[in-house]
C-alpha atoms as a PDB file:
ATOM      1  CA  MET A   1     -36.782 -23.040 -33.419  1.00  0.00           C
ATOM      2  CA  THR A   2     -37.893 -19.695 -31.875  1.00  0.00           C
ATOM      3  CA  THR A   3     -39.344 -17.452 -33.781  1.00  0.00           C
ATOM      4  CA  GLY A   4     -40.548 -14.145 -33.694  1.00  0.00           C
ATOM      5  CA  PRO A   5     -39.923 -11.962 -30.455  1.00  0.00           C
ATOM      6  CA  ASN A   6     -38.732 -14.294 -28.211  1.00  0.00           C
ATOM      7  CA  ARG A   7     -36.225 -15.282 -30.734  1.00  0.00           C
ATOM      8  CA  ILE A   8     -35.307 -11.154 -30.745  1.00  0.00           C
ATOM      9  CA  LEU A   9     -35.248 -10.992 -27.163  1.00  0.00           C
ATOM     10  CA  ASP A  10     -32.981 -13.886 -26.503  1.00  0.00           C
ATOM     11  CA  GLU A  11     -30.669 -13.032 -28.578  1.00  0.00           C
ATOM     12  CA  PHE A  12     -30.529  -9.097 -27.202  1.00  0.00           C
ATOM     13  CA  ALA A  13     -29.997 -10.923 -24.027  1.00  0.00           C
ATOM     14  CA  LYS A  14     -26.836 -12.672 -24.931  1.00  0.00           C
ATOM     15  CA  LEU A  15     -25.814  -9.544 -26.730  1.00  0.00           C
ATOM     16  CA  MET A  16     -26.279  -7.576 -23.649  1.00  0.00           C
ATOM     17  CA  THR A  17     -24.282 -10.778 -21.658  1.00  0.00           C
ATOM     18  CA  ASP A  18     -21.578 -10.548 -24.022  1.00  0.00           C
ATOM     19  CA  ALA A  19     -21.092  -6.751 -23.783  1.00  0.00           C
ATOM     20  CA  ALA A  20     -21.136  -6.937 -19.794  1.00  0.00           C
ATOM     21  CA  GLY A  21     -18.382  -9.631 -19.904  1.00  0.00           C
ATOM     22  CA  ALA A  22     -16.202  -7.477 -22.215  1.00  0.00           C
ATOM     23  CA  ALA A  23     -17.152  -4.046 -20.233  1.00  0.00           C
ATOM     24  CA  GLN A  24     -15.662  -6.249 -16.863  1.00  0.00           C
ATOM     25  CA  GLY A  25     -12.967  -7.297 -18.879  1.00  0.00           C
ATOM     26  CA  VAL A  26     -12.125  -3.725 -20.304  1.00  0.00           C
ATOM     27  CA  ARG A  27     -12.382  -2.691 -16.690  1.00  0.00           C
ATOM     28  CA  LYS A  28     -10.195  -5.208 -14.873  1.00  0.00           C
ATOM     29  CA  GLU A  29      -7.336  -4.237 -17.964  1.00  0.00           C
ATOM     30  CA  MET A  30      -8.036  -0.494 -17.319  1.00  0.00           C
ATOM     31  CA  GLU A  31      -7.644  -1.289 -13.715  1.00  0.00           C
ATOM     32  CA  THR A  32      -4.432  -2.889 -14.114  1.00  0.00           C
ATOM     33  CA  ALA A  33      -2.753  -0.725 -16.664  1.00  0.00           C
ATOM     34  CA  PHE A  34      -3.886   2.486 -13.564  1.00  0.00           C
ATOM     35  CA  ASN A  35      -1.707   0.359 -10.767  1.00  0.00           C
ATOM     36  CA  ALA A  36       1.664  -0.522 -13.347  1.00  0.00           C
ATOM     37  CA  GLN A  37       1.990   3.796 -14.260  1.00  0.00           C
ATOM     38  CA  ALA A  38       0.916   4.571 -10.597  1.00  0.00           C
ATOM     39  CA  GLU A  39       3.276   2.157  -9.246  1.00  0.00           C
ATOM     40  CA  ARG A  40       5.712   3.638 -11.779  1.00  0.00           C
ATOM     41  CA  TRP A  41       4.870   7.371 -10.874  1.00  0.00           C
ATOM     42  CA  LEU A  42       5.882   6.910  -7.142  1.00  0.00           C
ATOM     43  CA  ASN A  43       8.969   5.066  -8.321  1.00  0.00           C
ATOM     44  CA  SER A  44       9.808   7.727 -10.224  1.00  0.00           C
ATOM     45  CA  MET A  45       9.531   9.717  -7.171  1.00  0.00           C
ATOM     46  CA  ASP A  46      11.435   8.066  -4.697  1.00  0.00           C
ATOM     47  CA  VAL A  47       8.753   7.695  -2.658  1.00  0.00           C
ATOM     48  CA  VAL A  48       8.815   4.760   0.491  1.00  0.00           C
ATOM     49  CA  LYS A  49       6.574   2.048   0.599  1.00  0.00           C
ATOM     50  CA  ARG A  50       4.806   1.719   3.926  1.00  0.00           C
ATOM     51  CA  GLU A  51       6.304  -1.260   5.350  1.00  0.00           C
ATOM     52  CA  GLU A  52       9.835   0.414   5.206  1.00  0.00           C
ATOM     53  CA  PHE A  53       8.437   3.540   6.824  1.00  0.00           C
ATOM     54  CA  GLU A  54       7.408   1.467   9.795  1.00  0.00           C
ATOM     55  CA  ALA A  55      10.658  -0.678  10.029  1.00  0.00           C
ATOM     56  CA  VAL A  56      12.340   2.555   9.777  1.00  0.00           C
ATOM     57  CA  ARG A  57      10.013   4.600  12.531  1.00  0.00           C
ATOM     58  CA  GLU A  58      11.022   1.122  15.181  1.00  0.00           C
ATOM     59  CA  MET A  59      14.754   1.037  14.643  1.00  0.00           C
ATOM     60  CA  ALA A  60      14.252   5.107  15.862  1.00  0.00           C
ATOM     61  CA  ILE A  61      11.974   4.849  18.245  1.00  0.00           C
ATOM     62  CA  LYS A  62      14.447   1.608  19.653  1.00  0.00           C
ATOM     63  CA  ALA A  63      17.332   4.120  19.043  1.00  0.00           C
ATOM     64  CA  ARG A  64      15.861   7.125  21.353  1.00  0.00           C
ATOM     65  CA  ASP A  65      14.866   4.701  24.407  1.00  0.00           C
ATOM     66  CA  GLU A  66      18.226   3.887  23.975  1.00  0.00           C
ATOM     67  CA  ASN A  67      20.000   7.169  23.997  1.00  0.00           C
ATOM     68  CA  GLU A  68      17.645   8.030  27.150  1.00  0.00           C
ATOM     69  CA  ALA A  69      18.908   4.998  28.780  1.00  0.00           C
ATOM     70  CA  LEU A  70      22.251   5.580  28.282  1.00  0.00           C
ATOM     71  CA  ALA A  71      21.784   9.409  28.932  1.00  0.00           C
ATOM     72  CA  ALA A  72      20.251   8.385  32.264  1.00  0.00           C
ATOM     73  CA  ARG A  73      23.280   6.333  33.231  1.00  0.00           C
ATOM     74  CA  ILE A  74      25.787   8.987  32.223  1.00  0.00           C
ATOM     75  CA  ALA A  75      24.368  11.470  34.276  1.00  0.00           C
ATOM     76  CA  GLU A  76      23.716   9.068  37.135  1.00  0.00           C
ATOM     77  CA  LEU A  77      27.618   8.236  36.812  1.00  0.00           C
ATOM     78  CA  GLU A  78      28.589  11.781  36.731  1.00  0.00           C
ATOM     79  CA  ALA A  79      26.261  11.950  39.834  1.00  0.00           C
ATOM     80  CA  LYS A  80      28.593   9.452  41.459  1.00  0.00           C
ATOM     81  CA  LEU A  81      32.285  10.641  40.771  1.00  0.00           C
ATOM     82  CA  ALA A  82      31.137  14.306  41.681  1.00  0.00           C
ATOM     83  CA  ALA A  83      30.097  12.753  45.387  1.00  0.00           C
ATOM     84  CA  LYS A  84      33.488  11.101  45.010  1.00  0.00           C
ATOM     85  CA  SER A  85      35.268  14.312  44.494  1.00  0.00           C
END
């Protein structure tokens, strides 16, 4: 059995280890609560998620490209029709 300053230092080291573990647990709990609150806040603002934004962006780019191709085709057909007249 240890006595004197060694026992006190051992108890103090154990107390500090326990306190560090508790602080880490509190930090994780706070982080989880903050993330949940931030998600609720963003959902209430109808903010679009990045994945959804990227999907719609790709659809818009594809639609624009198709519109440009169709406009070029229409211009070509109109030119052919005007040449026949």
